[in-house]
Amino acid sequence: MRNLLDVSHLIAAIIYSVLGVAVFWTSFVILDKLTPYDLWQEIVQKQNRALATVVGSISLGICIIVAAAMIG
C-alpha cells in the first residue's frame, strides 16, 4: 500500500496526464483544420447535433488511442 502513495508515482501520473491532454488537444486541432468548416461555429452557434455526436465520437476514439499508447 505504501508504494501506491509514493511521490514518484504521483509525479509520473501528472506528467502522463499532461502529455495525454497535449496529444489529444493537438490531434483535435488538426482534425478541426482538416474539416472544411469551423467546428465550433457549427456545433455551438448553429446547434448541429449530428456533427457534435460525430466530433464527440472522434474525440473518444482519439482518447482511447492515446491512453492505449501511453499504457504500452
PDB file of N, CA and C in Angstrom:
ATOM      1  N   MET A   1       0.822  -1.192   0.000  1.00  0.00           N
ATOM      2  CA  MET A   1       0.000   0.000   0.000  1.00  0.00           C
ATOM      3  C   MET A   1       0.864   1.253   0.000  1.00  0.00           C
ATOM      4  N   ARG A   2       2.012   1.142   0.598  1.00  0.00           N
ATOM      5  CA  ARG A   2       2.882   2.306   0.676  1.00  0.00           C
ATOM      6  C   ARG A   2       3.408   2.719  -0.703  1.00  0.00           C
ATOM      7  N   ASN A   3       3.605   1.727  -1.601  1.00  0.00           N
ATOM      8  CA  ASN A   3       4.098   2.038  -2.939  1.00  0.00           C
ATOM      9  C   ASN A   3       3.080   2.830  -3.752  1.00  0.00           C
ATOM     10  N   LEU A   4       1.798   2.634  -3.472  1.00  0.00           N
ATOM     11  CA  LEU A   4       0.772   3.361  -4.209  1.00  0.00           C
ATOM     12  C   LEU A   4       0.777   4.851  -3.883  1.00  0.00           C
ATOM     13  N   LEU A   5       1.222   5.204  -2.696  1.00  0.00           N
ATOM     14  CA  LEU A   5       1.228   6.595  -2.269  1.00  0.00           C
ATOM     15  C   LEU A   5       2.587   7.263  -2.461  1.00  0.00           C
ATOM     16  N   ASP A   6       3.449   6.624  -3.198  1.00  0.00           N
ATOM     17  CA  ASP A   6       4.784   7.161  -3.434  1.00  0.00           C
ATOM     18  C   ASP A   6       4.704   8.426  -4.284  1.00  0.00           C
ATOM     19  N   VAL A   7       5.528   9.410  -3.984  1.00  0.00           N
ATOM     20  CA  VAL A   7       5.515  10.689  -4.696  1.00  0.00           C
ATOM     21  C   VAL A   7       5.917  10.510  -6.161  1.00  0.00           C
ATOM     22  N   SER A   8       6.816   9.595  -6.442  1.00  0.00           N
ATOM     23  CA  SER A   8       7.243   9.396  -7.830  1.00  0.00           C
ATOM     24  C   SER A   8       6.084   8.882  -8.693  1.00  0.00           C
ATOM     25  N   HIS A   9       5.199   8.063  -8.124  1.00  0.00           N
ATOM     26  CA  HIS A   9       4.033   7.597  -8.872  1.00  0.00           C
ATOM     27  C   HIS A   9       3.075   8.753  -9.162  1.00  0.00           C
ATOM     28  N   LEU A  10       2.909   9.611  -8.190  1.00  0.00           N
ATOM     29  CA  LEU A  10       2.034  10.769  -8.381  1.00  0.00           C
ATOM     30  C   LEU A  10       2.586  11.710  -9.448  1.00  0.00           C
ATOM     31  N   ILE A  11       3.873  11.966  -9.415  1.00  0.00           N
ATOM     32  CA  ILE A  11       4.504  12.835 -10.411  1.00  0.00           C
ATOM     33  C   ILE A  11       4.408  12.212 -11.803  1.00  0.00           C
ATOM     34  N   ALA A  12       4.636  10.906 -11.893  1.00  0.00           N
ATOM     35  CA  ALA A  12       4.528  10.227 -13.187  1.00  0.00           C
ATOM     36  C   ALA A  12       3.100  10.294 -13.720  1.00  0.00           C
ATOM     37  N   ALA A  13       2.103  10.133 -12.850  1.00  0.00           N
ATOM     38  CA  ALA A  13       0.711  10.213 -13.281  1.00  0.00           C
ATOM     39  C   ALA A  13       0.384  11.608 -13.792  1.00  0.00           C
ATOM     40  N   ILE A  14       0.885  12.627 -13.123  1.00  0.00           N
ATOM     41  CA  ILE A  14       0.631  14.003 -13.557  1.00  0.00           C
ATOM     42  C   ILE A  14       1.304  14.270 -14.901  1.00  0.00           C
ATOM     43  N   ILE A  15       2.527  13.827 -15.054  1.00  0.00           N
ATOM     44  CA  ILE A  15       3.250  14.033 -16.315  1.00  0.00           C
ATOM     45  C   ILE A  15       2.538  13.332 -17.468  1.00  0.00           C
ATOM     46  N   TYR A  16       2.130  12.064 -17.267  1.00  0.00           N
ATOM     47  CA  TYR A  16       1.437  11.338 -18.324  1.00  0.00           C
ATOM     48  C   TYR A  16       0.066  11.940 -18.621  1.00  0.00           C
ATOM     49  N   SER A  17      -0.596  12.474 -17.608  1.00  0.00           N
ATOM     50  CA  SER A  17      -1.887  13.122 -17.833  1.00  0.00           C
ATOM     51  C   SER A  17      -1.720  14.370 -18.691  1.00  0.00           C
ATOM     52  N   VAL A  18      -0.735  15.192 -18.363  1.00  0.00           N
ATOM     53  CA  VAL A  18      -0.478  16.397 -19.144  1.00  0.00           C
ATOM     54  C   VAL A  18      -0.070  16.040 -20.569  1.00  0.00           C
ATOM     55  N   LEU A  19       0.761  15.025 -20.715  1.00  0.00           N
ATOM     56  CA  LEU A  19       1.180  14.578 -22.039  1.00  0.00           C
ATOM     57  C   LEU A  19      -0.013  14.068 -22.848  1.00  0.00           C
ATOM     58  N   GLY A  20      -0.893  13.303 -22.220  1.00  0.00           N
ATOM     59  CA  GLY A  20      -2.075  12.791 -22.904  1.00  0.00           C
ATOM     60  C   GLY A  20      -3.014  13.893 -23.349  1.00  0.00           C
ATOM     61  N   VAL A  21      -3.224  14.891 -22.487  1.00  0.00           N
ATOM     62  CA  VAL A  21      -4.084  16.019 -22.844  1.00  0.00           C
ATOM     63  C   VAL A  21      -3.457  16.825 -23.983  1.00  0.00           C
ATOM     64  N   ALA A  22      -2.140  16.989 -23.959  1.00  0.00           N
ATOM     65  CA  ALA A  22      -1.464  17.729 -25.026  1.00  0.00           C
ATOM     66  C   ALA A  22      -1.589  17.002 -26.364  1.00  0.00           C
ATOM     67  N   VAL A  23      -1.430  15.691 -26.358  1.00  0.00           N
ATOM     68  CA  VAL A  23      -1.564  14.919 -27.597  1.00  0.00           C
ATOM     69  C   VAL A  23      -3.001  14.985 -28.101  1.00  0.00           C
ATOM     70  N   PHE A  24      -3.970  14.860 -27.185  1.00  0.00           N
ATOM     71  CA  PHE A  24      -5.372  14.953 -27.587  1.00  0.00           C
ATOM     72  C   PHE A  24      -5.683  16.325 -28.170  1.00  0.00           C
ATOM     73  N   TRP A  25      -5.235  17.381 -27.503  1.00  0.00           N
ATOM     74  CA  TRP A  25      -5.513  18.736 -27.970  1.00  0.00           C
ATOM     75  C   TRP A  25      -4.903  18.971 -29.349  1.00  0.00           C
ATOM     76  N   THR A  26      -3.678  18.513 -29.546  1.00  0.00           N
ATOM     77  CA  THR A  26      -3.009  18.669 -30.839  1.00  0.00           C
ATOM     78  C   THR A  26      -3.759  17.925 -31.934  1.00  0.00           C
ATOM     79  N   SER A  27      -4.169  16.701 -31.662  1.00  0.00           N
ATOM     80  CA  SER A  27      -4.889  15.930 -32.680  1.00  0.00           C
ATOM     81  C   SER A  27      -6.270  16.533 -32.955  1.00  0.00           C
ATOM     82  N   PHE A  28      -6.903  17.114 -31.938  1.00  0.00           N
ATOM     83  CA  PHE A  28      -8.199  17.752 -32.164  1.00  0.00           C
ATOM     84  C   PHE A  28      -8.050  19.024 -33.000  1.00  0.00           C
ATOM     85  N   VAL A  29      -6.989  19.780 -32.782  1.00  0.00           N
ATOM     86  CA  VAL A  29      -6.745  20.977 -33.593  1.00  0.00           C
ATOM     87  C   VAL A  29      -6.491  20.569 -35.044  1.00  0.00           C
ATOM     88  N   ILE A  30      -5.746  19.503 -35.246  1.00  0.00           N
ATOM     89  CA  ILE A  30      -5.506  19.011 -36.606  1.00  0.00           C
ATOM     90  C   ILE A  30      -6.817  18.581 -37.254  1.00  0.00           C
ATOM     91  N   LEU A  31      -7.671  17.894 -36.492  1.00  0.00           N
ATOM     92  CA  LEU A  31      -8.985  17.496 -37.008  1.00  0.00           C
ATOM     93  C   LEU A  31      -9.808  18.718 -37.383  1.00  0.00           C
ATOM     94  N   ASP A  32      -9.757  19.747 -36.564  1.00  0.00           N
ATOM     95  CA  ASP A  32     -10.507  20.978 -36.850  1.00  0.00           C
ATOM     96  C   ASP A  32      -9.992  21.651 -38.119  1.00  0.00           C
ATOM     97  N   LYS A  33      -8.682  21.618 -38.339  1.00  0.00           N
ATOM     98  CA  LYS A  33      -8.106  22.232 -39.541  1.00  0.00           C
ATOM     99  C   LYS A  33      -8.426  21.437 -40.798  1.00  0.00           C
ATOM    100  N   LEU A  34      -8.613  20.123 -40.676  1.00  0.00           N
ATOM    101  CA  LEU A  34      -8.894  19.281 -41.837  1.00  0.00           C
ATOM    102  C   LEU A  34     -10.341  19.400 -42.320  1.00  0.00           C
ATOM    103  N   THR A  35     -11.230  19.820 -41.442  1.00  0.00           N
ATOM    104  CA  THR A  35     -12.628  19.950 -41.844  1.00  0.00           C
ATOM    105  C   THR A  35     -12.823  21.247 -42.628  1.00  0.00           C
ATOM    106  N   PRO A  36     -13.759  21.250 -43.578  1.00  0.00           N
ATOM    107  CA  PRO A  36     -13.929  22.435 -44.431  1.00  0.00           C
ATOM    108  C   PRO A  36     -14.678  23.590 -43.756  1.00  0.00           C
ATOM    109  N   TYR A  37     -15.130  23.417 -42.528  1.00  0.00           N
ATOM    110  CA  TYR A  37     -15.880  24.462 -41.838  1.00  0.00           C
ATOM    111  C   TYR A  37     -15.374  24.577 -40.407  1.00  0.00           C
ATOM    112  N   ASP A  38     -15.831  25.604 -39.712  1.00  0.00           N
ATOM    113  CA  ASP A  38     -15.427  25.836 -38.327  1.00  0.00           C
ATOM    114  C   ASP A  38     -16.289  24.971 -37.410  1.00  0.00           C
ATOM    115  N   LEU A  39     -15.683  24.010 -36.734  1.00  0.00           N
ATOM    116  CA  LEU A  39     -16.433  23.095 -35.878  1.00  0.00           C
ATOM    117  C   LEU A  39     -17.162  23.823 -34.757  1.00  0.00           C
ATOM    118  N   TRP A  40     -16.495  24.776 -34.126  1.00  0.00           N
ATOM    119  CA  TRP A  40     -17.095  25.481 -33.000  1.00  0.00           C
ATOM    120  C   TRP A  40     -18.366  26.227 -33.436  1.00  0.00           C
ATOM    121  N   GLN A  41     -18.302  26.910 -34.574  1.00  0.00           N
ATOM    122  CA  GLN A  41     -19.453  27.652 -35.065  1.00  0.00           C
ATOM    123  C   GLN A  41     -20.593  26.696 -35.430  1.00  0.00           C
ATOM    124  N   GLU A  42     -20.274  25.597 -36.066  1.00  0.00           N
ATOM    125  CA  GLU A  42     -21.304  24.638 -36.466  1.00  0.00           C
ATOM    126  C   GLU A  42     -21.991  24.007 -35.250  1.00  0.00           C
ATOM    127  N   ILE A  43     -21.209  23.660 -34.236  1.00  0.00           N
ATOM    128  CA  ILE A  43     -21.777  22.954 -33.087  1.00  0.00           C
ATOM    129  C   ILE A  43     -22.488  23.916 -32.139  1.00  0.00           C
ATOM    130  N   VAL A  44     -21.845  25.019 -31.790  1.00  0.00           N
ATOM    131  CA  VAL A  44     -22.390  25.906 -30.760  1.00  0.00           C
ATOM    132  C   VAL A  44     -23.416  26.886 -31.332  1.00  0.00           C
ATOM    133  N   GLN A  45     -23.081  27.550 -32.401  1.00  0.00           N
ATOM    134  CA  GLN A  45     -23.971  28.597 -32.902  1.00  0.00           C
ATOM    135  C   GLN A  45     -25.110  28.045 -33.756  1.00  0.00           C
ATOM    136  N   LYS A  46     -24.808  27.062 -34.595  1.00  0.00           N
ATOM    137  CA  LYS A  46     -25.841  26.504 -35.467  1.00  0.00           C
ATOM    138  C   LYS A  46     -26.539  25.289 -34.861  1.00  0.00           C
ATOM    139  N   GLN A  47     -26.089  24.847 -33.669  1.00  0.00           N
ATOM    140  CA  GLN A  47     -26.707  23.734 -32.937  1.00  0.00           C
ATOM    141  C   GLN A  47     -26.778  22.450 -33.777  1.00  0.00           C
ATOM    142  N   ASN A  48     -25.687  22.123 -34.454  1.00  0.00           N
ATOM    143  CA  ASN A  48     -25.623  20.927 -35.287  1.00  0.00           C
ATOM    144  C   ASN A  48     -25.326  19.721 -34.390  1.00  0.00           C
ATOM    145  N   ARG A  49     -26.372  19.035 -33.975  1.00  0.00           N
ATOM    146  CA  ARG A  49     -26.227  17.909 -33.035  1.00  0.00           C
ATOM    147  C   ARG A  49     -25.569  16.698 -33.678  1.00  0.00           C
ATOM    148  N   ALA A  50     -25.829  16.473 -34.945  1.00  0.00           N
ATOM    149  CA  ALA A  50     -25.216  15.336 -35.622  1.00  0.00           C
ATOM    150  C   ALA A  50     -23.699  15.504 -35.679  1.00  0.00           C
ATOM    151  N   LEU A  51     -23.251  16.701 -35.993  1.00  0.00           N
ATOM    152  CA  LEU A  51     -21.813  16.969 -36.031  1.00  0.00           C
ATOM    153  C   LEU A  51     -21.211  16.863 -34.629  1.00  0.00           C
ATOM    154  N   ALA A  52     -21.936  17.327 -33.624  1.00  0.00           N
ATOM    155  CA  ALA A  52     -21.450  17.227 -32.246  1.00  0.00           C
ATOM    156  C   ALA A  52     -21.283  15.766 -31.833  1.00  0.00           C
ATOM    157  N   THR A  53     -22.199  14.909 -32.253  1.00  0.00           N
ATOM    158  CA  THR A  53     -22.093  13.480 -31.950  1.00  0.00           C
ATOM    159  C   THR A  53     -20.887  12.862 -32.641  1.00  0.00           C
ATOM    160  N   VAL A  54     -20.672  13.221 -33.893  1.00  0.00           N
ATOM    161  CA  VAL A  54     -19.521  12.685 -34.633  1.00  0.00           C
ATOM    162  C   VAL A  54     -18.210  13.170 -34.026  1.00  0.00           C
ATOM    163  N   VAL A  55     -18.129  14.453 -33.712  1.00  0.00           N
ATOM    164  CA  VAL A  55     -16.902  15.007 -33.124  1.00  0.00           C
ATOM    165  C   VAL A  55     -16.654  14.401 -31.739  1.00  0.00           C
ATOM    166  N   GLY A  56     -17.705  14.201 -30.965  1.00  0.00           N
ATOM    167  CA  GLY A  56     -17.555  13.552 -29.667  1.00  0.00           C
ATOM    168  C   GLY A  56     -17.059  12.124 -29.796  1.00  0.00           C
ATOM    169  N   SER A  57     -17.567  11.399 -30.776  1.00  0.00           N
ATOM    170  CA  SER A  57     -17.106  10.025 -31.014  1.00  0.00           C
ATOM    171  C   SER A  57     -15.647   9.994 -31.450  1.00  0.00           C
ATOM    172  N   ILE A  58     -15.275  10.915 -32.311  1.00  0.00           N
ATOM    173  CA  ILE A  58     -13.882  11.001 -32.750  1.00  0.00           C
ATOM    174  C   ILE A  58     -12.981  11.353 -31.567  1.00  0.00           C
ATOM    175  N   SER A  59     -13.442  12.249 -30.712  1.00  0.00           N
ATOM    176  CA  SER A  59     -12.662  12.627 -29.532  1.00  0.00           C
ATOM    177  C   SER A  59     -12.453  11.433 -28.605  1.00  0.00           C
ATOM    178  N   LEU A  60     -13.501  10.651 -28.380  1.00  0.00           N
ATOM    179  CA  LEU A  60     -13.353   9.455 -27.547  1.00  0.00           C
ATOM    180  C   LEU A  60     -12.390   8.453 -28.175  1.00  0.00           C
ATOM    181  N   GLY A  61     -12.468   8.310 -29.493  1.00  0.00           N
ATOM    182  CA  GLY A  61     -11.539   7.409 -30.179  1.00  0.00           C
ATOM    183  C   GLY A  61     -10.099   7.856 -30.035  1.00  0.00           C
ATOM    184  N   ILE A  62      -9.860   9.144 -30.180  1.00  0.00           N
ATOM    185  CA  ILE A  62      -8.503   9.684 -30.008  1.00  0.00           C
ATOM    186  C   ILE A  62      -8.022   9.443 -28.583  1.00  0.00           C
ATOM    187  N   CYS A  63      -8.904   9.668 -27.614  1.00  0.00           N
ATOM    188  CA  CYS A  63      -8.526   9.477 -26.206  1.00  0.00           C
ATOM    189  C   CYS A  63      -8.175   8.022 -25.917  1.00  0.00           C
ATOM    190  N   ILE A  64      -8.931   7.096 -26.479  1.00  0.00           N
ATOM    191  CA  ILE A  64      -8.653   5.673 -26.271  1.00  0.00           C
ATOM    192  C   ILE A  64      -7.308   5.305 -26.883  1.00  0.00           C
ATOM    193  N   ILE A  65      -7.026   5.817 -28.078  1.00  0.00           N
ATOM    194  CA  ILE A  65      -5.745   5.529 -28.732  1.00  0.00           C
ATOM    195  C   ILE A  65      -4.585   6.111 -27.926  1.00  0.00           C
ATOM    196  N   VAL A  66      -4.726   7.347 -27.442  1.00  0.00           N
ATOM    197  CA  VAL A  66      -3.672   7.968 -26.644  1.00  0.00           C
ATOM    198  C   VAL A  66      -3.453   7.193 -25.346  1.00  0.00           C
ATOM    199  N   ALA A  67      -4.536   6.796 -24.682  1.00  0.00           N
ATOM    200  CA  ALA A  67      -4.413   6.041 -23.439  1.00  0.00           C
ATOM    201  C   ALA A  67      -3.741   4.688 -23.672  1.00  0.00           C
ATOM    202  N   ALA A  68      -4.121   4.006 -24.737  1.00  0.00           N
ATOM    203  CA  ALA A  68      -3.512   2.709 -25.039  1.00  0.00           C
ATOM    204  C   ALA A  68      -2.034   2.851 -25.373  1.00  0.00           C
ATOM    205  N   ALA A  69      -1.680   3.919 -26.064  1.00  0.00           N
ATOM    206  CA  ALA A  69      -0.277   4.148 -26.416  1.00  0.00           C
ATOM    207  C   ALA A  69       0.541   4.458 -25.178  1.00  0.00           C
ATOM    208  N   MET A  70      -0.047   5.158 -24.211  1.00  0.00           N
ATOM    209  CA  MET A  70       0.696   5.525 -23.017  1.00  0.00           C
ATOM    210  C   MET A  70       0.844   4.338 -22.057  1.00  0.00           C
ATOM    211  N   ILE A  71      -0.133   3.450 -22.049  1.00  0.00           N
ATOM    212  CA  ILE A  71      -0.053   2.278 -21.161  1.00  0.00           C
ATOM    213  C   ILE A  71       0.977   1.293 -21.709  1.00  0.00           C
ATOM    214  N   GLY A  72       1.020   1.159 -23.007  1.00  0.00           N
ATOM    215  CA  GLY A  72       2.031   0.305 -23.616  1.00  0.00           C
ATOM    216  C   GLY A  72       1.471  -0.932 -24.111  1.00  0.00           C
TER     217      GLY A  72
END
